[in-house]
Amino acid sequence: MMCVCRQKFFDDLNIPPADIHLEIGSGTHAEQVGKTMIEFEKVVRNEKPDWIVVVGDVNAICAGSIVSKKRKYKISPYRSRF
């Protein structure tokens, strides 16, 4: 479930809701990266994208980049600086 403050951020910027939520939750760095890699790889296998743009914090970029490179996808990481 998305927290109210995050929903307000998306609403204020007129950003549509995401099609896919990985639902990772909190945990240690290793737990978050590991869970993100597992869930993101499922998405990549199903969606079969041409490119992957990974946006987020250090954990998200780390996990997304590893999955993308291991599956031989072109990747463009972008670290958010909010």
N, C-alpha and C. Protein backbone atom coordinates (compact mmCIF):
# COMPACT_ATOMS: atom_id res chain seq x y z
N MET A 1 0.84 -1.18 0.00
CA MET A 1 0.00 0.00 0.00
C MET A 1 0.88 1.24 0.00
N MET A 2 0.54 2.21 -0.79
CA MET A 2 1.32 3.43 -0.91
C MET A 2 0.95 4.36 0.24
N CYS A 3 1.96 4.97 0.87
CA CYS A 3 1.65 5.89 1.98
C CYS A 3 1.01 7.17 1.43
N VAL A 4 0.27 7.84 2.27
CA VAL A 4 -0.48 9.03 1.86
C VAL A 4 0.46 10.11 1.36
N CYS A 5 1.60 10.33 2.03
CA CYS A 5 2.51 11.40 1.61
C CYS A 5 3.07 11.12 0.22
N ARG A 6 3.39 9.88 -0.10
CA ARG A 6 3.89 9.55 -1.42
C ARG A 6 2.80 9.73 -2.46
N GLN A 7 1.57 9.36 -2.15
CA GLN A 7 0.46 9.53 -3.08
C GLN A 7 0.25 11.01 -3.38
N LYS A 8 0.37 11.86 -2.38
CA LYS A 8 0.21 13.30 -2.58
C LYS A 8 1.28 13.82 -3.53
N PHE A 9 2.50 13.34 -3.40
CA PHE A 9 3.59 13.72 -4.30
C PHE A 9 3.22 13.41 -5.75
N PHE A 10 2.74 12.20 -6.00
CA PHE A 10 2.35 11.81 -7.35
C PHE A 10 1.16 12.62 -7.85
N ASP A 11 0.19 12.85 -6.98
CA ASP A 11 -0.98 13.65 -7.35
C ASP A 11 -0.59 15.08 -7.71
N ASP A 12 0.26 15.70 -6.88
CA ASP A 12 0.68 17.08 -7.11
C ASP A 12 1.42 17.25 -8.44
N LEU A 13 2.15 16.24 -8.85
CA LEU A 13 2.92 16.32 -10.10
C LEU A 13 2.19 15.69 -11.28
N ASN A 14 0.93 15.29 -11.06
CA ASN A 14 0.12 14.66 -12.11
C ASN A 14 0.81 13.43 -12.73
N ILE A 15 1.45 12.64 -11.87
CA ILE A 15 2.10 11.41 -12.33
C ILE A 15 1.09 10.27 -12.19
N PRO A 16 0.84 9.54 -13.27
CA PRO A 16 -0.13 8.45 -13.18
C PRO A 16 0.38 7.33 -12.27
N PRO A 17 -0.53 6.53 -11.75
CA PRO A 17 -0.11 5.42 -10.89
C PRO A 17 0.73 4.42 -11.67
N ALA A 18 1.62 3.77 -10.96
CA ALA A 18 2.49 2.77 -11.59
C ALA A 18 1.67 1.56 -12.01
N ASP A 19 2.10 0.93 -13.09
CA ASP A 19 1.45 -0.31 -13.54
C ASP A 19 1.87 -1.50 -12.67
N ILE A 20 3.08 -1.42 -12.12
CA ILE A 20 3.63 -2.53 -11.35
C ILE A 20 4.20 -2.01 -10.04
N HIS A 21 3.86 -2.65 -8.94
CA HIS A 21 4.42 -2.34 -7.62
C HIS A 21 5.17 -3.58 -7.15
N LEU A 22 6.44 -3.42 -6.80
CA LEU A 22 7.23 -4.56 -6.33
C LEU A 22 6.94 -4.92 -4.88
N GLU A 23 6.42 -3.97 -4.09
CA GLU A 23 6.03 -4.21 -2.70
C GLU A 23 7.20 -4.78 -1.88
N ILE A 24 8.34 -4.11 -1.91
CA ILE A 24 9.54 -4.58 -1.22
C ILE A 24 9.48 -4.34 0.28
N GLY A 25 9.08 -3.17 0.71
CA GLY A 25 9.01 -2.88 2.14
C GLY A 25 10.36 -2.53 2.71
N SER A 26 10.43 -2.49 4.03
CA SER A 26 11.67 -2.09 4.70
C SER A 26 12.53 -3.31 5.01
N GLY A 27 13.74 -3.02 5.43
CA GLY A 27 14.69 -4.08 5.79
C GLY A 27 16.09 -3.55 5.68
N THR A 28 17.05 -4.41 5.90
CA THR A 28 18.44 -4.00 5.76
C THR A 28 18.74 -3.75 4.28
N HIS A 29 19.89 -3.16 4.03
CA HIS A 29 20.33 -2.92 2.64
C HIS A 29 20.30 -4.23 1.86
N ALA A 30 20.88 -5.27 2.43
CA ALA A 30 20.95 -6.56 1.74
C ALA A 30 19.57 -7.15 1.49
N GLU A 31 18.68 -7.03 2.47
CA GLU A 31 17.32 -7.56 2.30
C GLU A 31 16.58 -6.82 1.20
N GLN A 32 16.68 -5.50 1.19
CA GLN A 32 15.98 -4.72 0.17
C GLN A 32 16.53 -4.99 -1.22
N VAL A 33 17.85 -5.03 -1.35
CA VAL A 33 18.45 -5.29 -2.66
C VAL A 33 18.08 -6.69 -3.14
N GLY A 34 18.18 -7.67 -2.27
CA GLY A 34 17.84 -9.05 -2.64
C GLY A 34 16.39 -9.20 -3.06
N LYS A 35 15.46 -8.66 -2.26
CA LYS A 35 14.04 -8.75 -2.59
C LYS A 35 13.73 -8.01 -3.90
N THR A 36 14.36 -6.85 -4.07
CA THR A 36 14.13 -6.08 -5.29
C THR A 36 14.64 -6.84 -6.51
N MET A 37 15.81 -7.46 -6.40
CA MET A 37 16.34 -8.24 -7.52
C MET A 37 15.40 -9.38 -7.90
N ILE A 38 14.89 -10.08 -6.92
CA ILE A 38 13.99 -11.22 -7.17
C ILE A 38 12.72 -10.75 -7.87
N GLU A 39 12.08 -9.71 -7.33
CA GLU A 39 10.82 -9.22 -7.90
C GLU A 39 11.02 -8.53 -9.24
N PHE A 40 12.11 -7.77 -9.37
CA PHE A 40 12.36 -7.05 -10.62
C PHE A 40 12.69 -8.03 -11.75
N GLU A 41 13.41 -9.08 -11.44
CA GLU A 41 13.72 -10.07 -12.48
C GLU A 41 12.45 -10.72 -13.03
N LYS A 42 11.47 -10.94 -12.18
CA LYS A 42 10.18 -11.49 -12.65
C LYS A 42 9.53 -10.53 -13.65
N VAL A 43 9.58 -9.24 -13.34
CA VAL A 43 8.99 -8.23 -14.23
C VAL A 43 9.73 -8.21 -15.57
N VAL A 44 11.05 -8.21 -15.51
CA VAL A 44 11.86 -8.16 -16.73
C VAL A 44 11.61 -9.38 -17.61
N ARG A 45 11.51 -10.55 -17.00
CA ARG A 45 11.21 -11.77 -17.78
C ARG A 45 9.86 -11.68 -18.46
N ASN A 46 8.88 -11.13 -17.79
CA ASN A 46 7.52 -11.03 -18.36
C ASN A 46 7.39 -9.91 -19.39
N GLU A 47 8.01 -8.77 -19.13
CA GLU A 47 7.85 -7.59 -19.99
C GLU A 47 8.78 -7.59 -21.20
N LYS A 48 9.98 -8.17 -21.08
CA LYS A 48 10.97 -8.23 -22.16
C LYS A 48 11.22 -6.86 -22.79
N PRO A 49 11.71 -5.91 -22.00
CA PRO A 49 11.92 -4.55 -22.53
C PRO A 49 13.14 -4.47 -23.45
N ASP A 50 13.19 -3.42 -24.27
CA ASP A 50 14.38 -3.14 -25.08
C ASP A 50 15.45 -2.45 -24.25
N TRP A 51 15.02 -1.54 -23.41
CA TRP A 51 15.89 -0.77 -22.52
C TRP A 51 15.29 -0.79 -21.12
N ILE A 52 16.14 -0.60 -20.12
CA ILE A 52 15.66 -0.47 -18.75
C ILE A 52 16.24 0.82 -18.18
N VAL A 53 15.36 1.69 -17.70
CA VAL A 53 15.77 2.90 -17.01
C VAL A 53 15.49 2.67 -15.54
N VAL A 54 16.52 2.67 -14.73
CA VAL A 54 16.38 2.42 -13.30
C VAL A 54 16.45 3.75 -12.58
N VAL A 55 15.36 4.12 -11.91
CA VAL A 55 15.29 5.38 -11.18
C VAL A 55 15.05 5.05 -9.71
N GLY A 56 15.76 5.73 -8.83
CA GLY A 56 15.49 5.51 -7.42
C GLY A 56 16.69 5.77 -6.54
N ASP A 57 16.65 5.18 -5.37
CA ASP A 57 17.73 5.34 -4.42
C ASP A 57 18.85 4.34 -4.73
N VAL A 58 19.85 4.31 -3.88
CA VAL A 58 21.01 3.45 -4.10
C VAL A 58 20.60 1.97 -4.18
N ASN A 59 19.73 1.52 -3.29
CA ASN A 59 19.31 0.12 -3.28
C ASN A 59 18.60 -0.26 -4.58
N ALA A 60 17.69 0.60 -5.03
CA ALA A 60 16.93 0.32 -6.25
C ALA A 60 17.85 0.28 -7.46
N ILE A 61 18.76 1.24 -7.53
CA ILE A 61 19.67 1.27 -8.69
C ILE A 61 20.61 0.08 -8.67
N CYS A 62 21.11 -0.27 -7.50
CA CYS A 62 21.98 -1.44 -7.38
C CYS A 62 21.27 -2.70 -7.86
N ALA A 63 20.09 -2.95 -7.34
CA ALA A 63 19.33 -4.15 -7.69
C ALA A 63 18.93 -4.15 -9.16
N GLY A 64 18.40 -3.04 -9.63
CA GLY A 64 17.96 -2.95 -11.02
C GLY A 64 19.10 -3.09 -12.00
N SER A 65 20.24 -2.51 -11.67
CA SER A 65 21.41 -2.59 -12.55
C SER A 65 21.95 -4.00 -12.64
N ILE A 66 22.03 -4.68 -11.51
CA ILE A 66 22.53 -6.06 -11.51
C ILE A 66 21.63 -6.96 -12.34
N VAL A 67 20.33 -6.89 -12.10
CA VAL A 67 19.39 -7.71 -12.86
C VAL A 67 19.48 -7.40 -14.35
N SER A 68 19.51 -6.13 -14.69
CA SER A 68 19.55 -5.72 -16.10
C SER A 68 20.80 -6.22 -16.79
N LYS A 69 21.94 -6.07 -16.17
CA LYS A 69 23.20 -6.50 -16.79
C LYS A 69 23.28 -8.02 -16.89
N LYS A 70 22.86 -8.72 -15.86
CA LYS A 70 22.90 -10.19 -15.89
C LYS A 70 22.01 -10.75 -16.98
N ARG A 71 20.91 -10.06 -17.25
CA ARG A 71 19.99 -10.53 -18.30
C ARG A 71 20.31 -9.89 -19.65
N LYS A 72 21.44 -9.15 -19.70
CA LYS A 72 21.98 -8.56 -20.93
C LYS A 72 21.06 -7.50 -21.57
N TYR A 73 20.44 -6.68 -20.74
CA TYR A 73 19.63 -5.57 -21.23
C TYR A 73 20.44 -4.29 -21.21
N LYS A 74 20.11 -3.39 -22.12
CA LYS A 74 20.70 -2.05 -22.08
C LYS A 74 20.06 -1.33 -20.90
N ILE A 75 20.89 -0.59 -20.18
CA ILE A 75 20.41 0.06 -18.95
C ILE A 75 20.83 1.52 -18.90
N SER A 76 19.95 2.32 -18.32
CA SER A 76 20.26 3.73 -18.07
C SER A 76 19.87 4.03 -16.63
N PRO A 77 20.83 3.98 -15.69
CA PRO A 77 20.51 4.28 -14.30
C PRO A 77 20.39 5.78 -14.07
N TYR A 78 19.49 6.18 -13.20
CA TYR A 78 19.32 7.59 -12.85
C TYR A 78 19.04 7.67 -11.36
N ARG A 79 19.91 8.34 -10.64
CA ARG A 79 19.71 8.47 -9.20
C ARG A 79 18.93 9.73 -8.90
N SER A 80 17.82 9.56 -8.26
CA SER A 80 16.97 10.67 -7.86
C SER A 80 17.65 11.48 -6.76
N ARG A 81 17.51 12.79 -6.83
CA ARG A 81 18.16 13.65 -5.83
C ARG A 81 17.13 14.53 -5.10
N PHE A 82 15.98 13.97 -4.76
CA PHE A 82 14.96 14.76 -4.07
C PHE A 82 15.36 14.99 -2.64
